[in-house]
Amino acid sequence: MPMKPGSTKSLLLRLDPELAGRLQTVADVEGRPVSDVVREAIATLVEQRRGDERFLRLLEENLARHRQALELLRDEQQ
């Protein structure tokens, strides 16, 4: 379900202490909240995946598997 423009979704993120400390250091050095740094990193990752041929191939394979599962479920109902 699409979210309304301007709305946000809260997520719980668990990090090992070493990575959390490094993330905090980046945020401190840049004078930004950790949440802003995390949002930027996630947006960058998602954008990279959109152009990643391997990722897109995996997505296509997943879609094919889900189509097959849906067809099996539909066949069982008839």
N, C-alpha and C. Protein backbone atom coordinates (compact mmCIF):
# COMPACT_ATOMS: atom_id res chain seq x y z
N MET A 1 0.84 -1.17 0.00
CA MET A 1 0.00 0.00 0.00
C MET A 1 0.89 1.24 0.00
N PRO A 2 0.70 2.15 -0.96
CA PRO A 2 1.54 3.36 -1.02
C PRO A 2 1.32 4.25 0.20
N MET A 3 2.39 4.92 0.60
CA MET A 3 2.29 5.84 1.73
C MET A 3 1.92 7.22 1.22
N LYS A 4 1.30 8.01 2.08
CA LYS A 4 0.94 9.37 1.72
C LYS A 4 2.20 10.20 1.57
N PRO A 5 2.23 11.13 0.60
CA PRO A 5 3.40 12.00 0.45
C PRO A 5 3.69 12.75 1.76
N GLY A 6 4.96 12.81 2.12
CA GLY A 6 5.37 13.50 3.34
C GLY A 6 5.30 12.66 4.59
N SER A 7 4.76 11.44 4.49
CA SER A 7 4.69 10.58 5.67
C SER A 7 5.99 9.78 5.78
N THR A 8 6.20 9.21 6.93
CA THR A 8 7.40 8.40 7.15
C THR A 8 6.99 7.07 7.79
N LYS A 9 7.89 6.12 7.72
CA LYS A 9 7.68 4.82 8.35
C LYS A 9 8.83 4.60 9.32
N SER A 10 8.52 4.23 10.52
CA SER A 10 9.54 3.95 11.52
C SER A 10 10.00 2.50 11.38
N LEU A 11 11.30 2.30 11.50
CA LEU A 11 11.89 0.97 11.45
C LEU A 11 12.82 0.80 12.64
N LEU A 12 12.93 -0.42 13.11
CA LEU A 12 13.89 -0.75 14.16
C LEU A 12 15.10 -1.36 13.48
N LEU A 13 16.26 -0.84 13.74
CA LEU A 13 17.49 -1.32 13.12
C LEU A 13 18.44 -1.78 14.20
N ARG A 14 18.89 -3.01 14.09
CA ARG A 14 19.84 -3.56 15.06
C ARG A 14 21.21 -3.63 14.39
N LEU A 15 22.21 -3.06 15.03
CA LEU A 15 23.58 -3.06 14.52
C LEU A 15 24.50 -3.60 15.59
N ASP A 16 25.58 -4.24 15.15
CA ASP A 16 26.55 -4.65 16.15
C ASP A 16 27.22 -3.38 16.69
N PRO A 17 27.72 -3.42 17.91
CA PRO A 17 28.25 -2.22 18.55
C PRO A 17 29.37 -1.54 17.75
N GLU A 18 30.22 -2.32 17.10
CA GLU A 18 31.32 -1.71 16.34
C GLU A 18 30.79 -0.90 15.16
N LEU A 19 29.85 -1.47 14.42
CA LEU A 19 29.28 -0.74 13.28
C LEU A 19 28.49 0.48 13.76
N ALA A 20 27.76 0.32 14.86
CA ALA A 20 27.01 1.45 15.41
C ALA A 20 27.94 2.58 15.81
N GLY A 21 29.09 2.23 16.38
CA GLY A 21 30.07 3.25 16.75
C GLY A 21 30.63 3.97 15.53
N ARG A 22 30.91 3.21 14.49
CA ARG A 22 31.41 3.83 13.25
C ARG A 22 30.37 4.74 12.62
N LEU A 23 29.12 4.28 12.63
CA LEU A 23 28.03 5.11 12.11
C LEU A 23 27.90 6.40 12.91
N GLN A 24 27.97 6.30 14.22
CA GLN A 24 27.90 7.49 15.07
C GLN A 24 29.05 8.44 14.78
N THR A 25 30.24 7.90 14.54
CA THR A 25 31.40 8.73 14.22
C THR A 25 31.16 9.50 12.93
N VAL A 26 30.66 8.81 11.90
CA VAL A 26 30.36 9.49 10.63
C VAL A 26 29.37 10.62 10.86
N ALA A 27 28.30 10.33 11.58
CA ALA A 27 27.29 11.35 11.85
C ALA A 27 27.88 12.53 12.63
N ASP A 28 28.70 12.23 13.64
CA ASP A 28 29.31 13.29 14.44
C ASP A 28 30.23 14.17 13.60
N VAL A 29 31.06 13.55 12.79
CA VAL A 29 32.01 14.31 11.97
C VAL A 29 31.26 15.20 10.98
N GLU A 30 30.18 14.68 10.43
CA GLU A 30 29.41 15.46 9.46
C GLU A 30 28.40 16.40 10.11
N GLY A 31 28.26 16.32 11.43
CA GLY A 31 27.32 17.19 12.13
C GLY A 31 25.87 16.91 11.76
N ARG A 32 25.57 15.63 11.57
CA ARG A 32 24.23 15.23 11.14
C ARG A 32 23.67 14.19 12.09
N PRO A 33 22.35 14.07 12.14
CA PRO A 33 21.76 12.98 12.93
C PRO A 33 22.06 11.63 12.28
N VAL A 34 22.20 10.61 13.11
CA VAL A 34 22.44 9.27 12.61
C VAL A 34 21.34 8.86 11.63
N SER A 35 20.10 9.21 11.93
CA SER A 35 18.99 8.82 11.06
C SER A 35 19.15 9.39 9.65
N ASP A 36 19.68 10.61 9.52
CA ASP A 36 19.92 11.18 8.19
C ASP A 36 20.99 10.40 7.44
N VAL A 37 22.05 10.01 8.13
CA VAL A 37 23.13 9.25 7.50
C VAL A 37 22.60 7.89 7.05
N VAL A 38 21.79 7.25 7.88
CA VAL A 38 21.22 5.95 7.54
C VAL A 38 20.29 6.08 6.34
N ARG A 39 19.43 7.09 6.33
CA ARG A 39 18.52 7.29 5.19
C ARG A 39 19.29 7.49 3.90
N GLU A 40 20.36 8.28 3.96
CA GLU A 40 21.19 8.51 2.77
C GLU A 40 21.83 7.21 2.28
N ALA A 41 22.34 6.43 3.21
CA ALA A 41 22.98 5.16 2.84
C ALA A 41 21.97 4.20 2.21
N ILE A 42 20.79 4.13 2.77
CA ILE A 42 19.76 3.23 2.23
C ILE A 42 19.32 3.71 0.85
N ALA A 43 19.10 5.00 0.69
CA ALA A 43 18.70 5.53 -0.62
C ALA A 43 19.76 5.24 -1.67
N THR A 44 21.02 5.38 -1.30
CA THR A 44 22.12 5.09 -2.24
C THR A 44 22.12 3.61 -2.62
N LEU A 45 21.95 2.72 -1.65
CA LEU A 45 21.93 1.29 -1.92
C LEU A 45 20.78 0.92 -2.85
N VAL A 46 19.59 1.44 -2.56
CA VAL A 46 18.43 1.11 -3.38
C VAL A 46 18.64 1.61 -4.81
N GLU A 47 19.16 2.79 -4.97
CA GLU A 47 19.41 3.33 -6.31
C GLU A 47 20.45 2.49 -7.04
N GLN A 48 21.49 2.05 -6.35
CA GLN A 48 22.50 1.18 -6.98
C GLN A 48 21.87 -0.12 -7.45
N ARG A 49 21.00 -0.71 -6.65
CA ARG A 49 20.37 -1.97 -7.02
C ARG A 49 19.49 -1.82 -8.26
N ARG A 50 18.88 -0.67 -8.43
CA ARG A 50 18.01 -0.45 -9.59
C ARG A 50 18.77 -0.59 -10.90
N GLY A 51 20.07 -0.34 -10.88
CA GLY A 51 20.88 -0.45 -12.09
C GLY A 51 21.79 -1.66 -12.10
N ASP A 52 21.66 -2.55 -11.13
CA ASP A 52 22.54 -3.71 -10.98
C ASP A 52 21.92 -4.90 -11.72
N GLU A 53 22.59 -5.34 -12.80
CA GLU A 53 22.05 -6.42 -13.62
C GLU A 53 21.86 -7.71 -12.82
N ARG A 54 22.80 -8.04 -11.95
CA ARG A 54 22.67 -9.25 -11.14
C ARG A 54 21.44 -9.18 -10.24
N PHE A 55 21.24 -8.05 -9.60
CA PHE A 55 20.07 -7.87 -8.73
C PHE A 55 18.78 -7.98 -9.54
N LEU A 56 18.75 -7.33 -10.69
CA LEU A 56 17.54 -7.36 -11.52
C LEU A 56 17.25 -8.78 -12.01
N ARG A 57 18.30 -9.55 -12.30
CA ARG A 57 18.12 -10.94 -12.70
C ARG A 57 17.52 -11.75 -11.54
N LEU A 58 18.03 -11.53 -10.33
CA LEU A 58 17.48 -12.20 -9.15
C LEU A 58 16.01 -11.83 -8.93
N LEU A 59 15.69 -10.57 -9.16
CA LEU A 59 14.31 -10.12 -9.02
C LEU A 59 13.41 -10.85 -10.02
N GLU A 60 13.86 -10.94 -11.26
CA GLU A 60 13.10 -11.67 -12.28
C GLU A 60 12.91 -13.13 -11.89
N GLU A 61 13.96 -13.77 -11.37
CA GLU A 61 13.85 -15.16 -10.94
C GLU A 61 12.86 -15.31 -9.79
N ASN A 62 12.88 -14.37 -8.87
CA ASN A 62 11.92 -14.41 -7.76
C ASN A 62 10.49 -14.25 -8.26
N LEU A 63 10.31 -13.34 -9.21
CA LEU A 63 8.98 -13.15 -9.77
C LEU A 63 8.48 -14.42 -10.45
N ALA A 64 9.37 -15.09 -11.18
CA ALA A 64 8.99 -16.34 -11.85
C ALA A 64 8.57 -17.39 -10.82
N ARG A 65 9.33 -17.51 -9.72
CA ARG A 65 8.98 -18.48 -8.68
C ARG A 65 7.63 -18.16 -8.05
N HIS A 66 7.38 -16.88 -7.81
CA HIS A 66 6.11 -16.48 -7.20
C HIS A 66 4.94 -16.73 -8.16
N ARG A 67 5.16 -16.51 -9.45
CA ARG A 67 4.11 -16.80 -10.44
C ARG A 67 3.79 -18.29 -10.43
N GLN A 68 4.82 -19.12 -10.37
CA GLN A 68 4.61 -20.57 -10.33
C GLN A 68 3.83 -20.96 -9.09
N ALA A 69 4.19 -20.40 -7.95
CA ALA A 69 3.48 -20.71 -6.70
C ALA A 69 2.03 -20.28 -6.79
N LEU A 70 1.78 -19.12 -7.36
CA LEU A 70 0.41 -18.63 -7.51
C LEU A 70 -0.40 -19.55 -8.42
N GLU A 71 0.21 -19.99 -9.50
CA GLU A 71 -0.47 -20.91 -10.42
C GLU A 71 -0.80 -22.23 -9.72
N LEU A 72 0.14 -22.74 -8.91
CA LEU A 72 -0.13 -23.97 -8.17
C LEU A 72 -1.29 -23.79 -7.21
N LEU A 73 -1.32 -22.67 -6.52
CA LEU A 73 -2.42 -22.41 -5.58
C LEU A 73 -3.74 -22.29 -6.31
N ARG A 74 -3.73 -21.64 -7.46
CA ARG A 74 -4.98 -21.49 -8.24
C ARG A 74 -5.43 -22.86 -8.74
N ASP A 75 -4.50 -23.69 -9.19
CA ASP A 75 -4.86 -25.03 -9.69
C ASP A 75 -5.49 -25.86 -8.60
N GLU A 76 -5.01 -25.72 -7.37
CA GLU A 76 -5.53 -26.52 -6.25
C GLU A 76 -6.97 -26.13 -5.91
N GLN A 77 -7.37 -24.91 -6.21
CA GLN A 77 -8.72 -24.45 -5.88
C GLN A 77 -9.75 -24.94 -6.89
N GLN A 78 -9.31 -25.34 -8.06
CA GLN A 78 -10.26 -25.75 -9.11
C GLN A 78 -10.58 -27.19 -9.05
